[in-house]
Amino acid sequence: MFGYIDPAAGATIMQLIVAGTVGVGAVVKLKWHTIKSFFDRSGGMANRSSNGITEIRERTIHPADSQD
């Protein structure tokens, strides 16, 4: 009697395993660039340029600039 696992409990455990795997995969997919640049030998996190930030700032339209 002590070794019995209810089918609902087994299904819940299986759902937790699948959800955890999918969750880890989603985080890796969303943060892949950060993970890759951290392990990159030629330019780690300390050597990252600010070109991405500069490009975003250049594309931003300020309310004062859009008035005619």
PDB file of N, CA and C in Angstrom:
ATOM      1  N   MET A   1       0.804  -1.185   0.000  1.00  0.00           N
ATOM      2  CA  MET A   1       0.000   0.000   0.000  1.00  0.00           C
ATOM      3  C   MET A   1       0.861   1.270   0.000  1.00  0.00           C
ATOM      4  N   PHE A   2       2.052   1.236   0.591  1.00  0.00           N
ATOM      5  CA  PHE A   2       2.871   2.438   0.672  1.00  0.00           C
ATOM      6  C   PHE A   2       3.554   2.774  -0.655  1.00  0.00           C
ATOM      7  N   GLY A   3       3.729   1.801  -1.547  1.00  0.00           N
ATOM      8  CA  GLY A   3       4.390   2.029  -2.818  1.00  0.00           C
ATOM      9  C   GLY A   3       3.444   2.447  -3.932  1.00  0.00           C
ATOM     10  N   TYR A   4       2.177   2.632  -3.616  1.00  0.00           N
ATOM     11  CA  TYR A   4       1.174   2.953  -4.623  1.00  0.00           C
ATOM     12  C   TYR A   4       1.194   4.441  -4.957  1.00  0.00           C
ATOM     13  N   ILE A   5       1.231   4.768  -6.246  1.00  0.00           N
ATOM     14  CA  ILE A   5       1.134   6.150  -6.702  1.00  0.00           C
ATOM     15  C   ILE A   5      -0.172   6.288  -7.468  1.00  0.00           C
ATOM     16  N   ASP A   6      -0.984   7.204  -7.050  1.00  0.00           N
ATOM     17  CA  ASP A   6      -2.265   7.461  -7.690  1.00  0.00           C
ATOM     18  C   ASP A   6      -2.021   7.934  -9.129  1.00  0.00           C
ATOM     19  N   PRO A   7      -2.819   7.505 -10.107  1.00  0.00           N
ATOM     20  CA  PRO A   7      -2.628   7.954 -11.491  1.00  0.00           C
ATOM     21  C   PRO A   7      -2.671   9.480 -11.649  1.00  0.00           C
ATOM     22  N   ALA A   8      -3.487  10.133 -10.857  1.00  0.00           N
ATOM     23  CA  ALA A   8      -3.540  11.600 -10.925  1.00  0.00           C
ATOM     24  C   ALA A   8      -2.221  12.219 -10.444  1.00  0.00           C
ATOM     25  N   ALA A   9      -1.622  11.617  -9.417  1.00  0.00           N
ATOM     26  CA  ALA A   9      -0.337  12.123  -8.928  1.00  0.00           C
ATOM     27  C   ALA A   9       0.757  11.890  -9.965  1.00  0.00           C
ATOM     28  N   GLY A  10       0.721  10.746 -10.632  1.00  0.00           N
ATOM     29  CA  GLY A  10       1.701  10.477 -11.683  1.00  0.00           C
ATOM     30  C   GLY A  10       1.562  11.446 -12.846  1.00  0.00           C
ATOM     31  N   ALA A  11       0.307  11.766 -13.215  1.00  0.00           N
ATOM     32  CA  ALA A  11       0.078  12.726 -14.295  1.00  0.00           C
ATOM     33  C   ALA A  11       0.552  14.117 -13.895  1.00  0.00           C
ATOM     34  N   THR A  12       0.346  14.477 -12.639  1.00  0.00           N
ATOM     35  CA  THR A  12       0.802  15.782 -12.155  1.00  0.00           C
ATOM     36  C   THR A  12       2.317  15.866 -12.177  1.00  0.00           C
ATOM     37  N   ILE A  13       2.984  14.821 -11.755  1.00  0.00           N
ATOM     38  CA  ILE A  13       4.448  14.797 -11.791  1.00  0.00           C
ATOM     39  C   ILE A  13       4.950  14.895 -13.232  1.00  0.00           C
ATOM     40  N   MET A  14       4.302  14.192 -14.148  1.00  0.00           N
ATOM     41  CA  MET A  14       4.693  14.253 -15.557  1.00  0.00           C
ATOM     42  C   MET A  14       4.486  15.657 -16.119  1.00  0.00           C
ATOM     43  N   GLN A  15       3.397  16.315 -15.757  1.00  0.00           N
ATOM     44  CA  GLN A  15       3.148  17.683 -16.211  1.00  0.00           C
ATOM     45  C   GLN A  15       4.198  18.643 -15.673  1.00  0.00           C
ATOM     46  N   LEU A  16       4.613  18.461 -14.427  1.00  0.00           N
ATOM     47  CA  LEU A  16       5.658  19.301 -13.850  1.00  0.00           C
ATOM     48  C   LEU A  16       6.985  19.128 -14.592  1.00  0.00           C
ATOM     49  N   ILE A  17       7.315  17.902 -14.939  1.00  0.00           N
ATOM     50  CA  ILE A  17       8.558  17.640 -15.667  1.00  0.00           C
ATOM     51  C   ILE A  17       8.509  18.278 -17.053  1.00  0.00           C
ATOM     52  N   VAL A  18       7.398  18.095 -17.765  1.00  0.00           N
ATOM     53  CA  VAL A  18       7.273  18.666 -19.113  1.00  0.00           C
ATOM     54  C   VAL A  18       7.267  20.191 -19.050  1.00  0.00           C
ATOM     55  N   ALA A  19       6.524  20.772 -18.113  1.00  0.00           N
ATOM     56  CA  ALA A  19       6.462  22.229 -17.993  1.00  0.00           C
ATOM     57  C   ALA A  19       7.820  22.814 -17.621  1.00  0.00           C
ATOM     58  N   GLY A  20       8.547  22.142 -16.757  1.00  0.00           N
ATOM     59  CA  GLY A  20       9.888  22.618 -16.400  1.00  0.00           C
ATOM     60  C   GLY A  20      10.833  22.587 -17.585  1.00  0.00           C
ATOM     61  N   THR A  21      10.758  21.518 -18.381  1.00  0.00           N
ATOM     62  CA  THR A  21      11.607  21.409 -19.566  1.00  0.00           C
ATOM     63  C   THR A  21      11.274  22.497 -20.583  1.00  0.00           C
ATOM     64  N   VAL A  22       9.989  22.716 -20.816  1.00  0.00           N
ATOM     65  CA  VAL A  22       9.573  23.756 -21.759  1.00  0.00           C
ATOM     66  C   VAL A  22       9.949  25.136 -21.229  1.00  0.00           C
ATOM     67  N   GLY A  23       9.807  25.352 -19.945  1.00  0.00           N
ATOM     68  CA  GLY A  23      10.177  26.638 -19.344  1.00  0.00           C
ATOM     69  C   GLY A  23      11.657  26.939 -19.475  1.00  0.00           C
ATOM     70  N   VAL A  24      12.483  25.954 -19.211  1.00  0.00           N
ATOM     71  CA  VAL A  24      13.934  26.144 -19.367  1.00  0.00           C
ATOM     72  C   VAL A  24      14.272  26.412 -20.827  1.00  0.00           C
ATOM     73  N   GLY A  25      13.629  25.700 -21.742  1.00  0.00           N
ATOM     74  CA  GLY A  25      13.864  25.931 -23.170  1.00  0.00           C
ATOM     75  C   GLY A  25      13.466  27.334 -23.602  1.00  0.00           C
ATOM     76  N   ALA A  26      12.354  27.838 -23.070  1.00  0.00           N
ATOM     77  CA  ALA A  26      11.909  29.183 -23.415  1.00  0.00           C
ATOM     78  C   ALA A  26      12.882  30.242 -22.897  1.00  0.00           C
ATOM     79  N   VAL A  27      13.376  30.061 -21.685  1.00  0.00           N
ATOM     80  CA  VAL A  27      14.335  31.020 -21.126  1.00  0.00           C
ATOM     81  C   VAL A  27      15.624  31.016 -21.937  1.00  0.00           C
ATOM     82  N   VAL A  28      16.097  29.839 -22.304  1.00  0.00           N
ATOM     83  CA  VAL A  28      17.321  29.745 -23.106  1.00  0.00           C
ATOM     84  C   VAL A  28      17.109  30.412 -24.466  1.00  0.00           C
ATOM     85  N   LYS A  29      15.956  30.198 -25.075  1.00  0.00           N
ATOM     86  CA  LYS A  29      15.686  30.805 -26.381  1.00  0.00           C
ATOM     87  C   LYS A  29      15.635  32.327 -26.279  1.00  0.00           C
ATOM     88  N   LEU A  30      15.000  32.847 -25.246  1.00  0.00           N
ATOM     89  CA  LEU A  30      14.880  34.296 -25.099  1.00  0.00           C
ATOM     90  C   LEU A  30      16.208  34.953 -24.717  1.00  0.00           C
ATOM     91  N   LYS A  31      17.034  34.267 -23.977  1.00  0.00           N
ATOM     92  CA  LYS A  31      18.294  34.838 -23.488  1.00  0.00           C
ATOM     93  C   LYS A  31      19.520  34.285 -24.211  1.00  0.00           C
ATOM     94  N   TRP A  32      19.342  33.657 -25.372  1.00  0.00           N
ATOM     95  CA  TRP A  32      20.439  32.998 -26.066  1.00  0.00           C
ATOM     96  C   TRP A  32      21.574  33.967 -26.377  1.00  0.00           C
ATOM     97  N   HIS A  33      21.264  35.175 -26.825  1.00  0.00           N
ATOM     98  CA  HIS A  33      22.321  36.132 -27.177  1.00  0.00           C
ATOM     99  C   HIS A  33      23.163  36.481 -25.951  1.00  0.00           C
ATOM    100  N   THR A  34      22.518  36.685 -24.815  1.00  0.00           N
ATOM    101  CA  THR A  34      23.237  37.000 -23.582  1.00  0.00           C
ATOM    102  C   THR A  34      24.098  35.820 -23.137  1.00  0.00           C
ATOM    103  N   ILE A  35      23.551  34.624 -23.216  1.00  0.00           N
ATOM    104  CA  ILE A  35      24.305  33.430 -22.828  1.00  0.00           C
ATOM    105  C   ILE A  35      25.502  33.237 -23.757  1.00  0.00           C
ATOM    106  N   LYS A  36      25.283  33.401 -25.051  1.00  0.00           N
ATOM    107  CA  LYS A  36      26.348  33.215 -26.027  1.00  0.00           C
ATOM    108  C   LYS A  36      27.450  34.252 -25.842  1.00  0.00           C
ATOM    109  N   SER A  37      27.086  35.514 -25.623  1.00  0.00           N
ATOM    110  CA  SER A  37      28.107  36.555 -25.455  1.00  0.00           C
ATOM    111  C   SER A  37      28.868  36.381 -24.145  1.00  0.00           C
ATOM    112  N   PHE A  38      28.239  35.775 -23.141  1.00  0.00           N
ATOM    113  CA  PHE A  38      28.927  35.533 -21.873  1.00  0.00           C
ATOM    114  C   PHE A  38      30.044  34.509 -22.052  1.00  0.00           C
ATOM    115  N   PHE A  39      29.799  33.485 -22.870  1.00  0.00           N
ATOM    116  CA  PHE A  39      30.786  32.438 -23.075  1.00  0.00           C
ATOM    117  C   PHE A  39      31.685  32.683 -24.280  1.00  0.00           C
ATOM    118  N   ASP A  40      31.460  33.751 -25.013  1.00  0.00           N
ATOM    119  CA  ASP A  40      32.276  34.062 -26.184  1.00  0.00           C
ATOM    120  C   ASP A  40      33.676  34.462 -25.728  1.00  0.00           C
ATOM    121  N   ARG A  41      34.671  33.876 -26.316  1.00  0.00           N
ATOM    122  CA  ARG A  41      36.050  34.153 -25.905  1.00  0.00           C
ATOM    123  C   ARG A  41      36.541  35.518 -26.373  1.00  0.00           C
ATOM    124  N   SER A  42      36.108  35.951 -27.553  1.00  0.00           N
ATOM    125  CA  SER A  42      36.638  37.192 -28.104  1.00  0.00           C
ATOM    126  C   SER A  42      36.056  38.425 -27.442  1.00  0.00           C
ATOM    127  N   GLY A  43      34.852  38.382 -26.957  1.00  0.00           N
ATOM    128  CA  GLY A  43      34.268  39.551 -26.320  1.00  0.00           C
ATOM    129  C   GLY A  43      33.194  39.157 -25.349  1.00  0.00           C
ATOM    130  N   GLY A  44      33.559  39.035 -24.096  1.00  0.00           N
ATOM    131  CA  GLY A  44      32.587  38.657 -23.092  1.00  0.00           C
ATOM    132  C   GLY A  44      31.698  39.820 -22.729  1.00  0.00           C
ATOM    133  N   MET A  45      31.074  39.728 -21.596  1.00  0.00           N
ATOM    134  CA  MET A  45      30.147  40.770 -21.157  1.00  0.00           C
ATOM    135  C   MET A  45      30.868  42.104 -20.961  1.00  0.00           C
ATOM    136  N   ALA A  46      32.128  42.080 -20.568  1.00  0.00           N
ATOM    137  CA  ALA A  46      32.857  43.317 -20.309  1.00  0.00           C
ATOM    138  C   ALA A  46      33.203  44.054 -21.599  1.00  0.00           C
ATOM    139  N   ASN A  47      33.320  43.339 -22.722  1.00  0.00           N
ATOM    140  CA  ASN A  47      33.743  43.958 -23.972  1.00  0.00           C
ATOM    141  C   ASN A  47      32.592  44.262 -24.919  1.00  0.00           C
ATOM    142  N   ARG A  48      31.362  44.206 -24.458  1.00  0.00           N
ATOM    143  CA  ARG A  48      30.232  44.471 -25.341  1.00  0.00           C
ATOM    144  C   ARG A  48      30.171  45.947 -25.683  1.00  0.00           C
ATOM    145  N   SER A  49      29.890  46.235 -26.935  1.00  0.00           N
ATOM    146  CA  SER A  49      29.775  47.629 -27.359  1.00  0.00           C
ATOM    147  C   SER A  49      28.364  48.128 -27.104  1.00  0.00           C
ATOM    148  N   SER A  50      28.201  49.435 -27.147  1.00  0.00           N
ATOM    149  CA  SER A  50      26.884  50.027 -26.906  1.00  0.00           C
ATOM    150  C   SER A  50      26.189  50.375 -28.215  1.00  0.00           C
ATOM    151  N   ASN A  51      26.566  49.724 -29.326  1.00  0.00           N
ATOM    152  CA  ASN A  51      25.945  50.033 -30.612  1.00  0.00           C
ATOM    153  C   ASN A  51      24.452  49.771 -30.600  1.00  0.00           C
ATOM    154  N   GLY A  52      24.013  48.736 -29.960  1.00  0.00           N
ATOM    155  CA  GLY A  52      22.586  48.434 -29.897  1.00  0.00           C
ATOM    156  C   GLY A  52      21.815  49.535 -29.192  1.00  0.00           C
ATOM    157  N   ILE A  53      22.380  50.056 -28.127  1.00  0.00           N
ATOM    158  CA  ILE A  53      21.723  51.138 -27.396  1.00  0.00           C
ATOM    159  C   ILE A  53      21.722  52.410 -28.230  1.00  0.00           C
ATOM    160  N   THR A  54      22.818  52.683 -28.922  1.00  0.00           N
ATOM    161  CA  THR A  54      22.900  53.870 -29.758  1.00  0.00           C
ATOM    162  C   THR A  54      21.882  53.809 -30.887  1.00  0.00           C
ATOM    163  N   GLU A  55      21.748  52.636 -31.507  1.00  0.00           N
ATOM    164  CA  GLU A  55      20.789  52.500 -32.600  1.00  0.00           C
ATOM    165  C   GLU A  55      19.372  52.720 -32.106  1.00  0.00           C
ATOM    166  N   ILE A  56      19.047  52.237 -30.943  1.00  0.00           N
ATOM    167  CA  ILE A  56      17.707  52.433 -30.402  1.00  0.00           C
ATOM    168  C   ILE A  56      17.469  53.906 -30.126  1.00  0.00           C
ATOM    169  N   ARG A  57      18.458  54.585 -29.567  1.00  0.00           N
ATOM    170  CA  ARG A  57      18.299  56.008 -29.277  1.00  0.00           C
ATOM    171  C   ARG A  57      18.149  56.822 -30.558  1.00  0.00           C
ATOM    172  N   GLU A  58      18.861  56.449 -31.622  1.00  0.00           N
ATOM    173  CA  GLU A  58      18.762  57.177 -32.878  1.00  0.00           C
ATOM    174  C   GLU A  58      17.400  56.994 -33.524  1.00  0.00           C
ATOM    175  N   ARG A  59      16.777  55.830 -33.348  1.00  0.00           N
ATOM    176  CA  ARG A  59      15.480  55.546 -33.961  1.00  0.00           C
ATOM    177  C   ARG A  59      14.312  56.098 -33.159  1.00  0.00           C
ATOM    178  N   THR A  60      14.545  56.477 -31.926  1.00  0.00           N
ATOM    179  CA  THR A  60      13.472  56.953 -31.072  1.00  0.00           C
ATOM    180  C   THR A  60      12.995  58.311 -31.552  1.00  0.00           C
ATOM    181  N   ILE A  61      11.691  58.454 -31.681  1.00  0.00           N
ATOM    182  CA  ILE A  61      11.103  59.735 -32.071  1.00  0.00           C
ATOM    183  C   ILE A  61      10.669  60.457 -30.822  1.00  0.00           C
ATOM    184  N   HIS A  62      11.200  61.634 -30.627  1.00  0.00           N
ATOM    185  CA  HIS A  62      10.850  62.436 -29.465  1.00  0.00           C
ATOM    186  C   HIS A  62       9.632  63.285 -29.802  1.00  0.00           C
ATOM    187  N   PRO A  63       8.727  63.494 -28.855  1.00  0.00           N
ATOM    188  CA  PRO A  63       7.532  64.291 -29.138  1.00  0.00           C
ATOM    189  C   PRO A  63       7.861  65.694 -29.633  1.00  0.00           C
ATOM    190  N   ALA A  64       8.917  66.303 -29.134  1.00  0.00           N
ATOM    191  CA  ALA A  64       9.275  67.657 -29.556  1.00  0.00           C
ATOM    192  C   ALA A  64       9.753  67.665 -31.016  1.00  0.00           C
ATOM    193  N   ASP A  65      10.386  66.574 -31.456  1.00  0.00           N
ATOM    194  CA  ASP A  65      10.895  66.497 -32.833  1.00  0.00           C
ATOM    195  C   ASP A  65       9.791  66.246 -33.854  1.00  0.00           C
ATOM    196  N   SER A  66       8.672  65.631 -33.449  1.00  0.00           N
ATOM    197  CA  SER A  66       7.641  65.270 -34.396  1.00  0.00           C
ATOM    198  C   SER A  66       6.620  66.376 -34.641  1.00  0.00           C
ATOM    199  N   GLN A  67       6.730  67.490 -33.921  1.00  0.00           N
ATOM    200  CA  GLN A  67       5.783  68.594 -34.131  1.00  0.00           C
ATOM    201  C   GLN A  67       6.160  69.376 -35.377  1.00  0.00           C
ATOM    202  N   ASP A  68       5.138  69.777 -36.145  1.00  0.00           N
ATOM    203  CA  ASP A  68       5.401  70.549 -37.375  1.00  0.00           C
ATOM    204  C   ASP A  68       5.120  72.012 -37.193  1.00  0.00           C
TER     205      ASP A  68
END
